[in-house]
């Protein structure tokens, strides 16, 4: 077998593998989207499965906002997700800078502790937290959910931000100090602008972690006016029936904010993830 033939076979195999994984990601999204525009009868007709709506309808989307009060869910999710992502980002910047720039006793222990927390399933701490929150009166409040999301996402984000800071030469800060900059001025005018892609990556991670979370929301929140989107959509799955139309429409609406975020910040996310992956 010639070298050219081997290269052609290798290229074909790689293309087929990529196409397979592409379809694995795209087809479920496509099915969610087209199902959201179908009527209930067409969705439940298992004898005549359609890959495009016969009768295009928006009743699932109108019902989502008029009957299901999806606007309330959207507001709650945005509030908790944005707030927790901002706090996680700020604390990660402070903690990451401390771990990257300062030497103190127990530094490696702190890093090891953060790494160990990533090995513990989050479900294990929900019951103890529920007991604590109930005694503090934070059950069925956005404050309790906010604290949980910050606590769960912070360790990983601090470790990630630490790797970003370690890639930035400390000589830049020393040169800024020689030029008359204070510590805060050197951070805000030199260091933070350089590591902006890393900051965006951490914010997106914190936002997605809160936006998609279901288990803690289901346990800590019980009243409909406090539900987030995942918790609200879960209620569409009943014991004897599933509101497929509303569920698919809700899924599409839940995808839009994250899709827009990735579309706008894609460049910074890729740069941030690759920058934080390697230490120079």
Protein backbone atom coordinates (compact mmCIF):
# COMPACT_ATOMS: atom_id res chain seq x y z
CA UNK A 1 0.00 0.00 0.00
CA UNK A 2 1.46 3.33 -1.05
CA UNK A 3 1.99 6.29 1.27
CA UNK A 4 -0.63 8.30 -0.62
CA UNK A 5 -3.23 5.59 -0.12
CA UNK A 6 -2.44 5.36 3.60
CA UNK A 7 -2.85 9.14 3.97
CA UNK A 8 -6.17 9.02 2.11
CA UNK A 9 -7.47 6.22 4.34
CA UNK A 10 -6.31 8.06 7.48
CA UNK A 11 -7.99 11.28 6.32
CA UNK A 12 -11.22 9.43 5.53
CA UNK A 13 -11.30 7.79 8.95
CA UNK A 14 -10.69 11.12 10.70
CA UNK A 15 -13.45 12.78 8.68
CA UNK A 16 -15.89 9.98 9.46
CA UNK A 17 -15.09 10.16 13.18
CA UNK A 18 -15.54 13.94 13.19
CA UNK A 19 -18.83 13.67 11.28
CA UNK A 20 -20.06 11.05 13.76
CA UNK A 21 -19.35 13.25 16.78
CA UNK A 22 -20.75 16.30 14.96
CA UNK A 23 -24.03 14.49 14.35
CA UNK A 24 -23.99 13.22 17.94
CA UNK A 25 -24.04 16.85 19.11
CA UNK A 26 -26.20 18.48 16.44
CA UNK A 27 -29.01 15.93 15.94
CA UNK A 28 -30.40 16.14 19.53
CA UNK A 29 -30.44 19.94 19.27
CA UNK A 30 -32.15 19.74 15.88
CA UNK A 31 -34.77 17.35 17.26
CA UNK A 32 -35.47 19.65 20.23
CA UNK A 33 -35.90 22.65 17.92
CA UNK A 34 -38.24 21.00 15.40
CA UNK A 35 -40.29 19.33 18.14
CA UNK A 36 -40.90 22.70 19.78
CA UNK A 37 -42.71 23.82 16.60
CA UNK A 38 -44.94 20.72 16.33
CA UNK A 39 -48.49 20.31 17.58
CA UNK A 40 -49.19 17.95 20.48
CA UNK A 41 -50.90 15.45 18.18
CA UNK A 42 -47.94 15.31 15.82
CA UNK A 43 -45.48 14.89 18.69
CA UNK A 44 -47.41 11.98 20.20
CA UNK A 45 -48.09 10.21 16.89
CA UNK A 46 -45.52 7.39 17.15
CA UNK A 47 -46.81 5.72 13.99
CA UNK A 48 -45.86 8.68 11.85
CA UNK A 49 -42.63 10.22 13.10
CA UNK A 50 -41.80 13.44 11.23
CA UNK A 51 -38.41 15.07 10.89
CA UNK A 52 -39.93 18.46 10.11
CA UNK A 53 -43.20 19.95 11.43
CA UNK A 54 -46.22 19.26 9.25
CA UNK A 55 -48.22 22.03 10.88
CA UNK A 56 -45.78 24.73 11.97
CA UNK A 57 -47.04 26.28 15.22
CA UNK A 58 -45.87 28.66 17.95
CA UNK A 59 -48.43 27.47 20.50
CA UNK A 60 -45.72 25.82 22.60
CA UNK A 61 -43.84 29.09 22.95
CA UNK A 62 -46.94 31.16 23.66
CA UNK A 63 -48.09 28.58 26.21
CA UNK A 64 -44.66 28.65 27.79
CA UNK A 65 -45.01 32.35 28.66
CA UNK A 66 -48.78 32.62 29.14
CA UNK A 67 -49.53 29.41 31.07
CA UNK A 68 -46.18 28.37 32.47
CA UNK A 69 -44.87 31.88 33.35
CA UNK A 70 -41.51 31.21 31.75
CA UNK A 71 -40.55 34.87 32.15
CA UNK A 72 -40.36 34.38 35.93
CA UNK A 73 -38.12 31.35 35.52
CA UNK A 74 -35.89 33.28 33.13
CA UNK A 75 -35.60 36.20 35.53
CA UNK A 76 -34.72 33.91 38.46
CA UNK A 77 -32.11 31.99 36.44
CA UNK A 78 -30.48 35.16 35.13
CA UNK A 79 -30.39 36.70 38.60
CA UNK A 80 -28.79 33.72 40.32
CA UNK A 81 -26.46 32.78 37.44
CA UNK A 82 -25.10 36.28 36.72
CA UNK A 83 -24.70 37.13 40.42
CA UNK A 84 -22.90 33.88 41.27
CA UNK A 85 -20.71 34.10 38.15
CA UNK A 86 -19.64 37.66 39.00
CA UNK A 87 -18.80 36.78 42.60
CA UNK A 88 -16.96 33.61 41.55
CA UNK A 89 -14.95 35.61 39.00
CA UNK A 90 -13.95 38.32 41.48
CA UNK A 91 -13.03 35.86 44.25
CA UNK A 92 -11.15 33.68 41.75
CA UNK A 93 -9.09 36.65 40.62
CA UNK A 94 -8.18 37.51 44.21
CA UNK A 95 -7.53 33.91 45.26
CA UNK A 96 -5.69 33.01 42.06
CA UNK A 97 -3.42 36.05 42.36
CA UNK A 98 -2.60 35.22 45.98
CA UNK A 99 -1.73 31.61 45.16
CA UNK A 100 0.35 32.62 42.13
CA UNK A 101 2.28 35.58 43.52
CA UNK A 102 2.64 35.18 47.29
CA UNK A 103 4.50 32.60 49.36
CA UNK A 104 2.94 31.66 52.68
CA UNK A 105 2.73 28.68 54.98
CA UNK A 106 0.10 26.17 53.93
CA UNK A 107 -0.07 27.39 50.34
CA UNK A 108 0.28 23.91 48.85
CA UNK A 109 -2.23 22.59 51.37
CA UNK A 110 -4.78 25.13 50.15
CA UNK A 111 -4.17 24.15 46.52
CA UNK A 112 -4.46 20.45 47.44
CA UNK A 113 -7.70 21.13 49.30
CA UNK A 114 -9.19 22.86 46.25
CA UNK A 115 -8.16 19.93 44.07
CA UNK A 116 -9.68 17.40 46.48
CA UNK A 117 -13.01 19.23 46.44
CA UNK A 118 -13.23 18.53 42.70
CA UNK A 119 -13.19 14.80 43.44
CA UNK A 120 -16.19 14.97 45.80
CA UNK A 121 -19.64 14.64 44.17
CA UNK A 122 -21.68 17.76 44.86
CA UNK A 123 -24.71 15.68 45.85
CA UNK A 124 -22.86 14.58 49.03
CA UNK A 125 -22.83 18.11 50.49
CA UNK A 126 -26.40 19.06 49.58
CA UNK A 127 -28.04 17.39 52.61
CA UNK A 128 -25.64 18.96 55.18
CA UNK A 129 -26.08 22.31 53.44
CA UNK A 130 -29.86 21.87 53.51
CA UNK A 131 -29.73 21.42 57.29
CA UNK A 132 -27.50 24.48 57.67
CA UNK A 133 -29.61 26.61 55.34
CA UNK A 134 -32.85 25.57 57.08
CA UNK A 135 -31.47 26.72 60.44
CA UNK A 136 -30.37 30.02 58.87
CA UNK A 137 -33.73 30.53 57.15
CA UNK A 138 -32.25 30.35 53.63
CA UNK A 139 -34.35 27.49 52.27
CA UNK A 140 -36.56 28.55 49.36
CA UNK A 141 -34.51 31.72 48.82
CA UNK A 142 -32.21 32.76 46.02
CA UNK A 143 -29.56 33.60 48.62
CA UNK A 144 -29.16 29.94 49.57
CA UNK A 145 -28.96 28.89 45.92
CA UNK A 146 -26.47 31.69 45.25
CA UNK A 147 -24.21 30.58 48.12
CA UNK A 148 -24.31 26.97 46.91
CA UNK A 149 -23.34 27.89 43.34
CA UNK A 150 -20.48 30.11 44.53
CA UNK A 151 -19.21 27.39 46.88
CA UNK A 152 -19.33 24.66 44.24
CA UNK A 153 -17.76 26.63 41.36
CA UNK A 154 -15.16 28.64 43.27
CA UNK A 155 -12.42 26.00 43.90
CA UNK A 156 -12.03 25.05 40.24
CA UNK A 157 -12.13 28.69 39.14
CA UNK A 158 -9.46 29.68 41.67
CA UNK A 159 -7.15 26.93 40.43
CA UNK A 160 -7.80 27.97 36.84
CA UNK A 161 -7.18 31.63 37.56
CA UNK A 162 -3.97 30.75 39.39
CA UNK A 163 -2.61 29.15 36.23
CA UNK A 164 -3.50 32.30 34.27
CA UNK A 165 -1.57 34.51 36.68
CA UNK A 166 1.43 32.19 36.63
CA UNK A 167 1.74 32.69 32.87
CA UNK A 168 2.12 36.46 33.28
CA UNK A 169 5.74 37.44 34.07
CA UNK A 170 6.07 39.17 37.41
CA UNK A 171 8.59 41.51 35.75
CA UNK A 172 5.63 43.37 34.20
CA UNK A 173 4.39 44.30 37.67
CA UNK A 174 7.90 45.20 38.80
CA UNK A 175 8.34 47.47 35.80
CA UNK A 176 5.00 49.13 36.53
CA UNK A 177 6.08 49.67 40.14
CA UNK A 178 9.29 51.34 38.95
CA UNK A 179 7.18 53.63 36.75
CA UNK A 180 5.19 54.72 39.80
CA UNK A 181 2.17 52.43 39.69
CA UNK A 182 0.67 51.14 42.90
CA UNK A 183 -0.19 47.45 43.30
CA UNK A 184 -3.83 48.07 42.36
CA UNK A 185 -2.90 50.23 39.37
CA UNK A 186 -0.55 47.58 38.01
CA UNK A 187 -3.29 44.97 38.38
CA UNK A 188 -6.06 46.96 36.71
CA UNK A 189 -3.97 48.63 34.02
CA UNK A 190 -1.55 45.84 33.09
CA UNK A 191 -2.28 42.38 34.53
CA UNK A 192 -6.08 42.17 34.20
CA UNK A 193 -6.20 43.46 30.59
CA UNK A 194 -3.60 40.86 29.60
CA UNK A 195 -5.53 38.02 31.19
CA UNK A 196 -8.97 39.20 30.01
CA UNK A 197 -9.58 35.95 28.06
CA UNK A 198 -8.97 33.99 31.26
CA UNK A 199 -11.38 36.20 33.19
CA UNK A 200 -14.05 35.66 30.52
CA UNK A 201 -13.50 31.89 30.64
CA UNK A 202 -13.95 31.80 34.41
CA UNK A 203 -17.09 33.94 34.21
CA UNK A 204 -18.61 31.69 31.54
CA UNK A 205 -17.78 28.57 33.57
CA UNK A 206 -19.43 30.05 36.66
CA UNK A 207 -22.48 31.17 34.67
CA UNK A 208 -23.01 27.82 32.93
CA UNK A 209 -22.50 25.94 36.19
CA UNK A 210 -25.37 27.85 37.78
CA UNK A 211 -27.57 28.11 34.68
CA UNK A 212 -27.73 24.35 34.02
CA UNK A 213 -27.85 23.12 37.64
CA UNK A 214 -30.95 21.13 38.60
CA UNK A 215 -30.47 19.00 41.74
CA UNK A 216 -29.68 21.75 44.24
CA UNK A 217 -32.38 23.97 42.78
CA UNK A 218 -34.95 21.19 43.18
CA UNK A 219 -33.95 20.65 46.82
CA UNK A 220 -33.44 24.22 48.02
CA UNK A 221 -36.35 25.83 46.10
CA UNK A 222 -39.96 24.69 46.50
CA UNK A 223 -42.31 27.50 45.37
CA UNK A 224 -42.99 28.21 41.66
CA UNK A 225 -42.19 31.93 41.92
CA UNK A 226 -38.64 31.07 43.04
CA UNK A 227 -37.92 28.30 40.49
CA UNK A 228 -35.07 28.53 38.02
CA UNK A 229 -35.43 27.26 34.44
CA UNK A 230 -34.14 23.67 35.01
CA UNK A 231 -36.39 23.25 38.06
CA UNK A 232 -39.42 24.64 36.23
CA UNK A 233 -38.88 22.45 33.16
CA UNK A 234 -38.57 19.38 35.38
CA UNK A 235 -42.15 19.89 36.55
CA UNK A 236 -43.36 19.35 32.96
CA UNK A 237 -42.39 15.70 33.35
CA UNK A 238 -45.32 14.18 35.23
CA UNK A 239 -45.96 10.70 36.54
CA UNK A 240 -48.31 9.73 33.72
CA UNK A 241 -47.63 12.27 30.97
CA UNK A 242 -44.97 14.64 29.68
CA UNK A 243 -45.68 18.05 28.17
CA UNK A 244 -43.27 17.48 25.29
CA UNK A 245 -44.13 20.61 23.35
CA UNK A 246 -43.64 22.98 26.29
CA UNK A 247 -40.58 21.04 27.43
CA UNK A 248 -38.87 21.31 24.04
CA UNK A 249 -39.78 24.99 23.69
CA UNK A 250 -38.38 25.63 27.17
CA UNK A 251 -35.21 23.79 26.23
CA UNK A 252 -34.76 25.94 23.14
CA UNK A 253 -35.32 29.13 25.14
CA UNK A 254 -32.81 27.93 27.75
CA UNK A 255 -30.21 27.32 25.02
CA UNK A 256 -30.44 30.82 23.56
CA UNK A 257 -28.61 32.80 26.32
CA UNK A 258 -25.73 30.33 26.53
CA UNK A 259 -25.48 30.07 22.74
CA UNK A 260 -25.34 33.86 22.43
CA UNK A 261 -22.73 34.04 25.17
CA UNK A 262 -20.49 31.51 23.46
CA UNK A 263 -20.99 33.18 20.08
CA UNK A 264 -19.95 36.59 21.41
CA UNK A 265 -17.15 35.39 23.70
CA UNK A 266 -15.90 32.39 21.70
CA UNK A 267 -12.54 33.97 20.89
CA UNK A 268 -11.85 34.89 24.51
CA UNK A 269 -13.03 31.50 25.82
CA UNK A 270 -10.71 29.56 23.50
CA UNK A 271 -7.76 31.84 24.27
CA UNK A 272 -8.47 31.64 27.99
CA UNK A 273 -8.78 27.86 28.11
CA UNK A 274 -5.61 27.30 26.10
CA UNK A 275 -3.72 29.88 28.13
CA UNK A 276 -4.73 28.30 31.42
CA UNK A 277 -3.87 24.80 30.27
CA UNK A 278 -0.11 25.28 29.98
CA UNK A 279 2.31 26.82 32.42
CA UNK A 280 5.36 28.47 30.89
